[in-house]
Structure formats: structure tokens, C-alpha cells
Amino acid sequence: VRLAETAGLDKNSIRQLIAGAFLHDVGKIGISDSILLKPAKLTPEEFSVMQTHVTLGVDLLRKSPWLQRARDVVECHHEKYDGTGYPQGLAGEAIPLRARVFAIVDVFDALTSKRPYKEAFPFGQTMEILLAETGRHFDPQLLARFERIAEPLFQQISTSPAGEVEAMLRDLID
């Protein structure tokens, strides 16, 4: 939300971004746990199956007109700024702005969180990884905005009790 605000998104667009953030991986319900929870690198075949979570998610959203507002994030959160992402290979501003915003925070979250296949990376290392992908994976202007706001937000969230973080999230959503 804070990155979206710095990018000039209006309240309605931010609400759509929030819906997309909550639903971005909904298609993973159609992916086998043997792939989702694998504690090692996926094989090319397994990664190909994993990529289908995007189209599975879009198919699920099609069933509800109300959920369509989340579609751009669900459909495009794995597109890369240089056009090498999936499922469509969109590049630059052809990727919806909300999806470009979400891609940054999604990767940031993935890197700073413990997963079955890796430990959480520290903030500094995470930012180095993100910045190395400027113009390739991420929109350079958005990543520069994120770099300016990320550390104080990360410190605030990572040192606050879960109840405070939940209250902060509720306030943002409201």
C-alpha cells in the first residue's frame, strides 16, 4: 500500500491492489503439495507445472465478477520488466502498474520470509538482490521508490507484535 501511494495510485486502485495481493496465488490450490512444499529446487518439469498457478488463478477469478478487480495482479505478478516473465511475456509499462508494484513487494516478502526450501534473508541482502534486478525483473522507478521507504517499514513491521501488525493492516485496508 505504501509503495502504491508513492506511485500515485488512487484509493480505488489501491483497493484493487489489496484484493490482488490477497488472491495473487489462489491458483496454487490446483498445484500438488509435492511441488508446493518441495524443500529443494524444482525441476524444469515441476517449475512448468508451478507456472500454471497463474492461469488457474485467473480461471477461478472468472467465476466471480466481484473478484475481477484482482485479475491484473493475479495474472501479471510473474511478468518481468524486461519481458522474460510469464505467462504472457509482457514488458515495461505493458505490465499493469498494480502488478509491477506487487511484484516488488512479493519478491521482497519471499526473500525476507522463511520458506520450506530456504531461510529468511536479512534486509540488506534482500535489497541487494532486488536492486540487482532493476530494469530486468522490476520497474526501475518503482524500485527506487521502494528503496526509499522499505527499511523503516521493514523495521517497524518486523519488530512489532503480531497484533499491532494486524491492526496496522486493518487500518490500511479500511
Protein backbone atom coordinates (compact mmCIF):
# COMPACT_ATOMS: atom_id res chain seq x y z
CA VAL A 1 0.00 0.00 0.00
CA ARG A 2 2.76 2.43 0.88
CA LEU A 3 4.57 1.78 -2.41
CA ALA A 4 1.29 2.19 -4.31
CA GLU A 5 0.76 5.52 -2.58
CA THR A 6 4.22 6.73 -3.61
CA ALA A 7 3.39 5.67 -7.18
CA GLY A 8 0.29 7.86 -7.14
CA LEU A 9 -2.38 5.14 -7.21
CA ASP A 10 -5.81 6.35 -6.11
CA LYS A 11 -7.82 4.71 -3.32
CA ASN A 12 -9.89 2.54 -5.65
CA SER A 13 -6.79 1.27 -7.44
CA ILE A 14 -5.15 0.55 -4.08
CA ARG A 15 -8.23 -1.46 -3.03
CA GLN A 16 -7.86 -3.46 -6.25
CA LEU A 17 -4.17 -3.98 -5.47
CA ILE A 18 -5.04 -5.23 -1.98
CA ALA A 19 -7.55 -7.69 -3.45
CA GLY A 20 -4.91 -8.86 -5.90
CA ALA A 21 -2.34 -9.21 -3.13
CA PHE A 22 -4.66 -11.43 -1.12
CA LEU A 23 -5.57 -13.53 -4.16
CA HIS A 24 -2.35 -13.50 -6.21
CA ASP A 25 -1.54 -17.17 -5.59
CA VAL A 26 -5.09 -18.51 -5.41
CA GLY A 27 -4.31 -20.78 -8.36
CA LYS A 28 -1.84 -22.70 -6.19
CA ILE A 29 -4.82 -24.63 -4.82
CA GLY A 30 -4.57 -26.57 -8.07
CA ILE A 31 -0.86 -27.40 -7.63
CA SER A 32 0.23 -30.61 -5.92
CA ASP A 33 1.69 -30.29 -2.41
CA SER A 34 4.65 -32.37 -3.60
CA ILE A 35 5.61 -29.36 -5.73
CA LEU A 36 4.39 -26.57 -3.44
CA LEU A 37 6.16 -27.91 -0.37
CA LYS A 38 9.26 -29.35 -2.01
CA PRO A 39 12.26 -28.42 0.14
CA ALA A 40 14.61 -28.24 -2.85
CA LYS A 41 14.84 -26.54 -6.21
CA LEU A 42 12.07 -27.51 -8.63
CA THR A 43 12.95 -29.48 -11.73
CA PRO A 44 12.13 -27.80 -15.06
CA GLU A 45 9.03 -30.01 -15.33
CA GLU A 46 7.91 -29.10 -11.80
CA PHE A 47 8.52 -25.41 -12.45
CA SER A 48 6.40 -25.66 -15.59
CA VAL A 49 3.57 -27.09 -13.50
CA MET A 50 4.07 -24.37 -10.87
CA GLN A 51 3.73 -21.68 -13.54
CA THR A 52 0.20 -22.89 -14.27
CA HIS A 53 -0.94 -21.41 -10.95
CA VAL A 54 -1.35 -18.08 -12.75
CA THR A 55 -3.81 -19.34 -15.35
CA LEU A 56 -5.57 -21.49 -12.74
CA GLY A 57 -5.98 -18.35 -10.61
CA VAL A 58 -7.33 -16.29 -13.49
CA ASP A 59 -9.79 -19.10 -14.29
CA LEU A 60 -11.02 -19.06 -10.70
CA LEU A 61 -11.48 -15.27 -10.76
CA ARG A 62 -13.54 -15.50 -13.96
CA LYS A 63 -16.25 -17.22 -11.93
CA SER A 64 -16.92 -14.07 -9.91
CA PRO A 65 -17.40 -10.59 -11.38
CA TRP A 66 -16.56 -9.12 -7.97
CA LEU A 67 -13.14 -10.81 -7.95
CA GLN A 68 -12.24 -9.48 -11.41
CA ARG A 69 -10.80 -6.39 -9.74
CA ALA A 70 -7.88 -8.56 -8.60
CA ARG A 71 -7.21 -10.02 -12.04
CA ASP A 72 -4.31 -7.80 -13.17
CA VAL A 73 -2.23 -8.70 -10.10
CA VAL A 74 -3.13 -12.39 -10.23
CA GLU A 75 -2.44 -12.60 -13.96
CA CYS A 76 0.70 -10.45 -14.18
CA HIS A 77 2.60 -10.75 -10.88
CA HIS A 78 5.19 -13.03 -12.54
CA GLU A 79 5.75 -10.83 -15.57
CA LYS A 80 9.18 -9.19 -15.61
CA TYR A 81 10.02 -5.67 -16.67
CA ASP A 82 12.35 -6.91 -19.42
CA GLY A 83 9.70 -9.24 -20.89
CA THR A 84 11.18 -12.54 -19.69
CA GLY A 85 8.40 -13.35 -17.20
CA TYR A 86 5.28 -15.44 -17.57
CA PRO A 87 2.60 -16.21 -18.60
CA GLN A 88 2.46 -13.60 -21.41
CA GLY A 89 6.00 -12.22 -21.60
CA LEU A 90 4.77 -8.65 -21.10
CA ALA A 91 7.43 -5.95 -20.73
CA GLY A 92 7.73 -2.47 -19.21
CA GLU A 93 4.55 -0.48 -18.93
CA ALA A 94 2.58 -3.18 -20.76
CA ILE A 95 2.58 -4.84 -17.32
CA PRO A 96 -0.24 -3.28 -15.29
CA LEU A 97 1.05 -0.83 -12.69
CA ARG A 98 -0.55 -2.68 -9.78
CA ALA A 99 1.19 -5.89 -10.87
CA ARG A 100 4.54 -4.06 -11.13
CA VAL A 101 4.05 -2.68 -7.62
CA PHE A 102 3.05 -6.05 -6.25
CA ALA A 103 5.94 -7.89 -7.93
CA ILE A 104 8.44 -5.87 -5.88
CA VAL A 105 6.78 -6.42 -2.52
CA ASP A 106 6.02 -10.07 -3.31
CA VAL A 107 9.67 -10.86 -4.02
CA PHE A 108 10.73 -8.77 -1.01
CA ASP A 109 8.37 -10.80 1.17
CA ALA A 110 9.55 -14.09 -0.33
CA LEU A 111 13.18 -13.22 0.34
CA THR A 112 12.67 -11.95 3.89
CA SER A 113 10.43 -14.88 4.90
CA LYS A 114 11.43 -18.40 5.88
CA ARG A 115 10.18 -20.97 3.38
CA PRO A 116 10.34 -24.78 3.32
CA TYR A 117 13.31 -24.56 0.96
CA LYS A 118 15.22 -21.60 2.48
CA GLU A 119 15.88 -19.41 5.48
CA ALA A 120 14.83 -15.75 5.56
CA PHE A 121 17.39 -13.33 4.11
CA PRO A 122 18.34 -10.23 6.10
CA PHE A 123 17.09 -6.84 4.91
CA GLY A 124 20.40 -5.69 3.38
CA GLN A 125 20.92 -8.84 1.35
CA THR A 126 17.30 -8.73 0.19
CA MET A 127 17.70 -5.18 -1.06
CA GLU A 128 20.93 -6.10 -2.88
CA ILE A 129 19.09 -8.90 -4.67
CA LEU A 130 16.19 -6.63 -5.62
CA LEU A 131 18.44 -3.81 -6.81
CA ALA A 132 20.45 -6.23 -8.96
CA GLU A 133 17.18 -6.87 -10.85
CA THR A 134 16.47 -3.20 -11.63
CA GLY A 135 15.21 -2.98 -15.20
CA ARG A 136 15.23 -6.75 -15.59
CA HIS A 137 12.67 -8.08 -13.13
CA PHE A 138 11.49 -4.77 -11.69
CA ASP A 139 10.36 -1.36 -12.86
CA PRO A 140 13.34 0.92 -12.11
CA GLN A 141 11.23 3.90 -10.99
CA LEU A 142 9.09 1.80 -8.66
CA LEU A 143 12.10 0.02 -7.22
CA ALA A 144 13.77 3.37 -6.50
CA ARG A 145 10.62 4.46 -4.64
CA PHE A 146 10.58 1.16 -2.74
CA GLU A 147 14.22 1.55 -1.78
CA ARG A 148 13.42 4.92 -0.16
CA ILE A 149 10.57 3.58 2.00
CA ALA A 150 11.42 -0.07 2.65
CA GLU A 151 13.84 -0.01 5.57
CA PRO A 152 11.78 1.96 8.09
CA LEU A 153 8.65 -0.02 7.19
CA PHE A 154 10.52 -3.32 7.45
CA GLN A 155 11.95 -2.35 10.84
CA GLN A 156 8.54 -1.26 12.11
CA ILE A 157 6.76 -4.40 10.94
CA SER A 158 9.48 -6.89 11.87
CA THR A 159 9.81 -5.55 15.43
CA SER A 160 6.11 -5.05 16.18
CA PRO A 161 3.96 -7.66 17.89
CA ALA A 162 1.68 -9.58 15.52
CA GLY A 163 -1.42 -7.88 16.95
CA GLU A 164 -0.04 -4.43 16.11
CA VAL A 165 0.84 -5.51 12.57
CA GLU A 166 -2.67 -6.92 12.11
CA ALA A 167 -4.19 -3.66 13.38
CA MET A 168 -1.96 -1.66 11.01
CA LEU A 169 -3.08 -3.88 8.12
CA ARG A 170 -6.75 -3.46 9.06
CA ASP A 171 -6.32 0.32 9.15
CA LEU A 172 -4.70 0.30 5.71
CA ILE A 173 -7.45 -1.86 4.27
CA ASP A 174 -10.16 0.32 5.78
